[in-house]
Amino acid sequence: MIKRSRPAMGTLLYFGGAILLGLYFTFAAVQGDYGVFRRSEILAEKRALEDELVLVQAEVTRMENLTHRLSDTYLDLDLLDQQARDVLGLIRADEIVIR
């Protein structure tokens, strides 16, 4: 008669638990708050914010230039004329307004 031995139930539970724990940590490493997918989302958001920062810095530089050109120390008459026309709606006496 051949005697068959089965693995102990504790061994099966131990390896089953280890496999489940490994699967959990693998899932967390890929999908979790600090996982691979979240990291790629953060990097894409970082690139978009850096691009937006460049645009905002260019706008700030432009506004600083305009502010300097209208300051008391340096007055650009062409810019002053343009601003008076845009903001106040002024026109010269020799101009014709077409609406």
N, C-alpha and C. Protein backbone atom coordinates (compact mmCIF):
# COMPACT_ATOMS: atom_id res chain seq x y z
N MET A 1 0.80 -1.16 0.00
CA MET A 1 0.00 0.00 0.00
C MET A 1 0.88 1.26 0.00
N ILE A 2 0.53 2.21 -0.89
CA ILE A 2 1.29 3.45 -1.00
C ILE A 2 0.59 4.52 -0.17
N LYS A 3 1.39 5.15 0.64
CA LYS A 3 0.83 6.17 1.51
C LYS A 3 1.09 7.55 0.88
N ARG A 4 0.05 8.32 0.66
CA ARG A 4 0.17 9.67 0.12
C ARG A 4 0.13 10.67 1.26
N SER A 5 1.02 11.66 1.16
CA SER A 5 1.00 12.68 2.22
C SER A 5 0.58 14.01 1.60
N ARG A 6 -0.25 14.68 2.28
CA ARG A 6 -0.70 16.00 1.84
C ARG A 6 0.07 17.04 2.62
N PRO A 7 0.30 18.23 1.95
CA PRO A 7 0.98 19.28 2.70
C PRO A 7 0.10 19.74 3.85
N ALA A 8 0.72 20.20 4.86
CA ALA A 8 -0.01 20.66 6.03
C ALA A 8 -0.82 21.90 5.66
N MET A 9 -1.94 22.06 6.31
CA MET A 9 -2.82 23.19 6.04
C MET A 9 -2.14 24.51 6.38
N GLY A 10 -1.33 24.56 7.41
CA GLY A 10 -0.61 25.76 7.80
C GLY A 10 0.35 26.22 6.70
N THR A 11 1.00 25.30 6.02
CA THR A 11 1.92 25.64 4.94
C THR A 11 1.16 26.26 3.78
N LEU A 12 0.02 25.68 3.44
CA LEU A 12 -0.80 26.23 2.36
C LEU A 12 -1.29 27.64 2.71
N LEU A 13 -1.72 27.82 3.94
CA LEU A 13 -2.17 29.15 4.36
C LEU A 13 -1.02 30.15 4.35
N TYR A 14 0.16 29.72 4.77
CA TYR A 14 1.31 30.61 4.79
C TYR A 14 1.66 31.08 3.37
N PHE A 15 1.78 30.15 2.43
CA PHE A 15 2.12 30.53 1.05
C PHE A 15 0.98 31.29 0.39
N GLY A 16 -0.26 30.94 0.67
CA GLY A 16 -1.40 31.69 0.13
C GLY A 16 -1.40 33.13 0.63
N GLY A 17 -1.14 33.29 1.93
CA GLY A 17 -1.07 34.64 2.49
C GLY A 17 0.09 35.44 1.91
N ALA A 18 1.23 34.78 1.73
CA ALA A 18 2.39 35.46 1.15
C ALA A 18 2.11 35.90 -0.28
N ILE A 19 1.45 35.07 -1.05
CA ILE A 19 1.11 35.42 -2.43
C ILE A 19 0.12 36.59 -2.45
N LEU A 20 -0.91 36.53 -1.61
CA LEU A 20 -1.88 37.62 -1.54
C LEU A 20 -1.21 38.93 -1.11
N LEU A 21 -0.31 38.86 -0.14
CA LEU A 21 0.39 40.04 0.32
C LEU A 21 1.28 40.61 -0.80
N GLY A 22 1.94 39.75 -1.53
CA GLY A 22 2.75 40.18 -2.67
C GLY A 22 1.91 40.83 -3.75
N LEU A 23 0.73 40.26 -4.02
CA LEU A 23 -0.16 40.85 -5.02
C LEU A 23 -0.67 42.22 -4.56
N TYR A 24 -0.95 42.35 -3.27
CA TYR A 24 -1.42 43.63 -2.74
C TYR A 24 -0.35 44.70 -2.92
N PHE A 25 0.89 44.39 -2.54
CA PHE A 25 1.96 45.38 -2.66
C PHE A 25 2.29 45.69 -4.12
N THR A 26 2.16 44.72 -4.99
CA THR A 26 2.37 44.98 -6.42
C THR A 26 1.30 45.92 -6.94
N PHE A 27 0.06 45.68 -6.58
CA PHE A 27 -1.04 46.56 -6.98
C PHE A 27 -0.83 47.96 -6.44
N ALA A 28 -0.43 48.08 -5.17
CA ALA A 28 -0.20 49.39 -4.56
C ALA A 28 0.95 50.12 -5.24
N ALA A 29 1.97 49.38 -5.67
CA ALA A 29 3.12 50.00 -6.33
C ALA A 29 2.75 50.54 -7.71
N VAL A 30 1.75 49.96 -8.32
CA VAL A 30 1.35 50.40 -9.65
C VAL A 30 0.21 51.41 -9.58
N GLN A 31 -0.81 51.15 -8.81
CA GLN A 31 -2.03 51.96 -8.80
C GLN A 31 -2.19 52.88 -7.60
N GLY A 32 -1.37 52.74 -6.57
CA GLY A 32 -1.57 53.47 -5.32
C GLY A 32 -1.28 54.95 -5.42
N ASP A 33 -1.38 55.63 -4.26
CA ASP A 33 -1.16 57.07 -4.20
C ASP A 33 0.26 57.44 -4.59
N TYR A 34 1.20 56.57 -4.36
CA TYR A 34 2.60 56.82 -4.70
C TYR A 34 3.08 55.85 -5.78
N GLY A 35 2.14 55.33 -6.57
CA GLY A 35 2.47 54.32 -7.56
C GLY A 35 2.98 54.90 -8.86
N VAL A 36 3.24 54.00 -9.79
CA VAL A 36 3.81 54.36 -11.09
C VAL A 36 2.85 55.25 -11.88
N PHE A 37 1.58 54.93 -11.90
CA PHE A 37 0.62 55.73 -12.66
C PHE A 37 0.47 57.13 -12.07
N ARG A 38 0.43 57.22 -10.75
CA ARG A 38 0.31 58.53 -10.11
C ARG A 38 1.55 59.38 -10.37
N ARG A 39 2.72 58.74 -10.40
CA ARG A 39 3.96 59.46 -10.68
C ARG A 39 3.93 60.04 -12.10
N SER A 40 3.45 59.28 -13.06
CA SER A 40 3.38 59.79 -14.44
C SER A 40 2.37 60.94 -14.53
N GLU A 41 1.27 60.86 -13.78
CA GLU A 41 0.31 61.97 -13.75
C GLU A 41 0.95 63.23 -13.16
N ILE A 42 1.71 63.05 -12.10
CA ILE A 42 2.36 64.19 -11.46
C ILE A 42 3.39 64.82 -12.40
N LEU A 43 4.14 63.99 -13.12
CA LEU A 43 5.13 64.53 -14.06
C LEU A 43 4.46 65.28 -15.21
N ALA A 44 3.34 64.77 -15.70
CA ALA A 44 2.61 65.48 -16.76
C ALA A 44 2.06 66.81 -16.25
N GLU A 45 1.55 66.82 -15.03
CA GLU A 45 1.05 68.05 -14.44
C GLU A 45 2.18 69.05 -14.21
N LYS A 46 3.34 68.54 -13.83
CA LYS A 46 4.51 69.40 -13.63
C LYS A 46 4.90 70.08 -14.93
N ARG A 47 4.94 69.31 -16.03
CA ARG A 47 5.29 69.90 -17.33
C ARG A 47 4.27 70.96 -17.74
N ALA A 48 3.00 70.69 -17.53
CA ALA A 48 1.96 71.67 -17.88
C ALA A 48 2.10 72.94 -17.05
N LEU A 49 2.40 72.79 -15.75
CA LEU A 49 2.56 73.96 -14.89
C LEU A 49 3.82 74.75 -15.24
N GLU A 50 4.88 74.04 -15.65
CA GLU A 50 6.09 74.75 -16.07
C GLU A 50 5.83 75.55 -17.34
N ASP A 51 5.07 74.99 -18.27
CA ASP A 51 4.71 75.73 -19.48
C ASP A 51 3.88 76.96 -19.14
N GLU A 52 2.93 76.79 -18.23
CA GLU A 52 2.10 77.92 -17.80
C GLU A 52 2.94 78.98 -17.09
N LEU A 53 3.92 78.53 -16.32
CA LEU A 53 4.81 79.47 -15.64
C LEU A 53 5.59 80.33 -16.63
N VAL A 54 6.05 79.72 -17.71
CA VAL A 54 6.77 80.48 -18.74
C VAL A 54 5.86 81.54 -19.34
N LEU A 55 4.61 81.19 -19.62
CA LEU A 55 3.67 82.16 -20.18
C LEU A 55 3.38 83.29 -19.21
N VAL A 56 3.20 82.95 -17.94
CA VAL A 56 2.90 83.97 -16.95
C VAL A 56 4.11 84.89 -16.74
N GLN A 57 5.30 84.32 -16.74
CA GLN A 57 6.50 85.15 -16.59
C GLN A 57 6.66 86.10 -17.78
N ALA A 58 6.34 85.63 -18.99
CA ALA A 58 6.40 86.50 -20.15
C ALA A 58 5.38 87.63 -20.04
N GLU A 59 4.19 87.32 -19.54
CA GLU A 59 3.16 88.34 -19.35
C GLU A 59 3.59 89.36 -18.29
N VAL A 60 4.20 88.88 -17.22
CA VAL A 60 4.69 89.79 -16.17
C VAL A 60 5.77 90.70 -16.73
N THR A 61 6.68 90.14 -17.53
CA THR A 61 7.73 90.95 -18.14
C THR A 61 7.14 92.01 -19.05
N ARG A 62 6.13 91.63 -19.82
CA ARG A 62 5.48 92.59 -20.72
C ARG A 62 4.81 93.70 -19.92
N MET A 63 4.11 93.33 -18.85
CA MET A 63 3.43 94.33 -18.03
C MET A 63 4.43 95.25 -17.32
N GLU A 64 5.56 94.69 -16.86
CA GLU A 64 6.59 95.52 -16.25
C GLU A 64 7.15 96.52 -17.25
N ASN A 65 7.33 96.08 -18.50
CA ASN A 65 7.82 96.97 -19.55
C ASN A 65 6.82 98.10 -19.79
N LEU A 66 5.54 97.75 -19.89
CA LEU A 66 4.53 98.79 -20.10
C LEU A 66 4.46 99.75 -18.93
N THR A 67 4.56 99.22 -17.72
CA THR A 67 4.52 100.07 -16.54
C THR A 67 5.72 101.02 -16.51
N HIS A 68 6.89 100.49 -16.87
CA HIS A 68 8.07 101.33 -16.91
C HIS A 68 7.93 102.42 -17.98
N ARG A 69 7.36 102.07 -19.11
CA ARG A 69 7.22 103.04 -20.21
C ARG A 69 6.21 104.13 -19.89
N LEU A 70 5.34 103.93 -18.92
CA LEU A 70 4.38 104.95 -18.52
C LEU A 70 4.75 105.59 -17.18
N SER A 71 5.95 105.30 -16.66
CA SER A 71 6.32 105.84 -15.35
C SER A 71 6.76 107.30 -15.47
N ASP A 72 6.97 107.93 -14.32
CA ASP A 72 7.39 109.33 -14.28
C ASP A 72 8.80 109.52 -14.81
N THR A 73 9.64 108.51 -14.64
CA THR A 73 11.04 108.64 -15.07
C THR A 73 11.21 108.44 -16.56
N TYR A 74 10.29 107.75 -17.20
CA TYR A 74 10.41 107.46 -18.62
C TYR A 74 9.00 107.46 -19.20
N LEU A 75 8.71 108.32 -20.15
CA LEU A 75 7.36 108.43 -20.69
C LEU A 75 7.39 108.19 -22.18
N ASP A 76 6.71 107.15 -22.61
CA ASP A 76 6.59 106.84 -24.02
C ASP A 76 5.30 107.48 -24.53
N LEU A 77 5.43 108.51 -25.34
CA LEU A 77 4.24 109.25 -25.79
C LEU A 77 3.34 108.42 -26.69
N ASP A 78 3.91 107.55 -27.49
CA ASP A 78 3.08 106.69 -28.35
C ASP A 78 2.23 105.74 -27.50
N LEU A 79 2.85 105.16 -26.47
CA LEU A 79 2.10 104.27 -25.58
C LEU A 79 1.04 105.05 -24.81
N LEU A 80 1.36 106.25 -24.37
CA LEU A 80 0.39 107.08 -23.67
C LEU A 80 -0.79 107.41 -24.57
N ASP A 81 -0.51 107.73 -25.84
CA ASP A 81 -1.57 108.01 -26.81
C ASP A 81 -2.44 106.78 -27.02
N GLN A 82 -1.82 105.63 -27.15
CA GLN A 82 -2.56 104.38 -27.35
C GLN A 82 -3.45 104.08 -26.15
N GLN A 83 -2.91 104.23 -24.94
CA GLN A 83 -3.70 103.96 -23.74
C GLN A 83 -4.85 104.95 -23.59
N ALA A 84 -4.63 106.20 -23.92
CA ALA A 84 -5.70 107.20 -23.85
C ALA A 84 -6.82 106.85 -24.82
N ARG A 85 -6.46 106.37 -25.98
CA ARG A 85 -7.47 105.97 -26.96
C ARG A 85 -8.25 104.74 -26.49
N ASP A 86 -7.52 103.74 -25.99
CA ASP A 86 -8.17 102.49 -25.58
C ASP A 86 -9.02 102.67 -24.32
N VAL A 87 -8.44 103.25 -23.31
CA VAL A 87 -9.11 103.32 -22.02
C VAL A 87 -10.16 104.43 -21.99
N LEU A 88 -9.80 105.62 -22.44
CA LEU A 88 -10.70 106.77 -22.34
C LEU A 88 -11.55 106.99 -23.58
N GLY A 89 -11.21 106.33 -24.67
CA GLY A 89 -11.98 106.49 -25.89
C GLY A 89 -11.74 107.84 -26.57
N LEU A 90 -10.56 108.38 -26.39
CA LEU A 90 -10.24 109.69 -26.97
C LEU A 90 -9.83 109.55 -28.43
N ILE A 91 -10.12 110.58 -29.22
CA ILE A 91 -9.67 110.64 -30.61
C ILE A 91 -9.12 112.04 -30.86
N ARG A 92 -8.31 112.13 -31.91
CA ARG A 92 -7.79 113.45 -32.29
C ARG A 92 -8.84 114.16 -33.13
N ALA A 93 -8.70 115.46 -33.24
CA ALA A 93 -9.69 116.29 -33.97
C ALA A 93 -9.68 115.99 -35.47
N ASP A 94 -8.55 115.55 -36.01
CA ASP A 94 -8.49 115.31 -37.44
C ASP A 94 -8.84 113.87 -37.82
N GLU A 95 -9.29 113.03 -36.88
CA GLU A 95 -9.63 111.63 -37.17
C GLU A 95 -11.14 111.50 -37.38
N ILE A 96 -11.50 110.48 -38.18
CA ILE A 96 -12.90 110.16 -38.44
C ILE A 96 -13.17 108.79 -37.82
N VAL A 97 -14.22 108.70 -37.04
CA VAL A 97 -14.59 107.45 -36.38
C VAL A 97 -15.65 106.74 -37.23
N ILE A 98 -15.39 105.50 -37.55
CA ILE A 98 -16.34 104.67 -38.30
C ILE A 98 -16.79 103.55 -37.40
N ARG A 99 -18.10 103.41 -37.23
CA ARG A 99 -18.64 102.36 -36.37
C ARG A 99 -19.35 101.32 -37.16
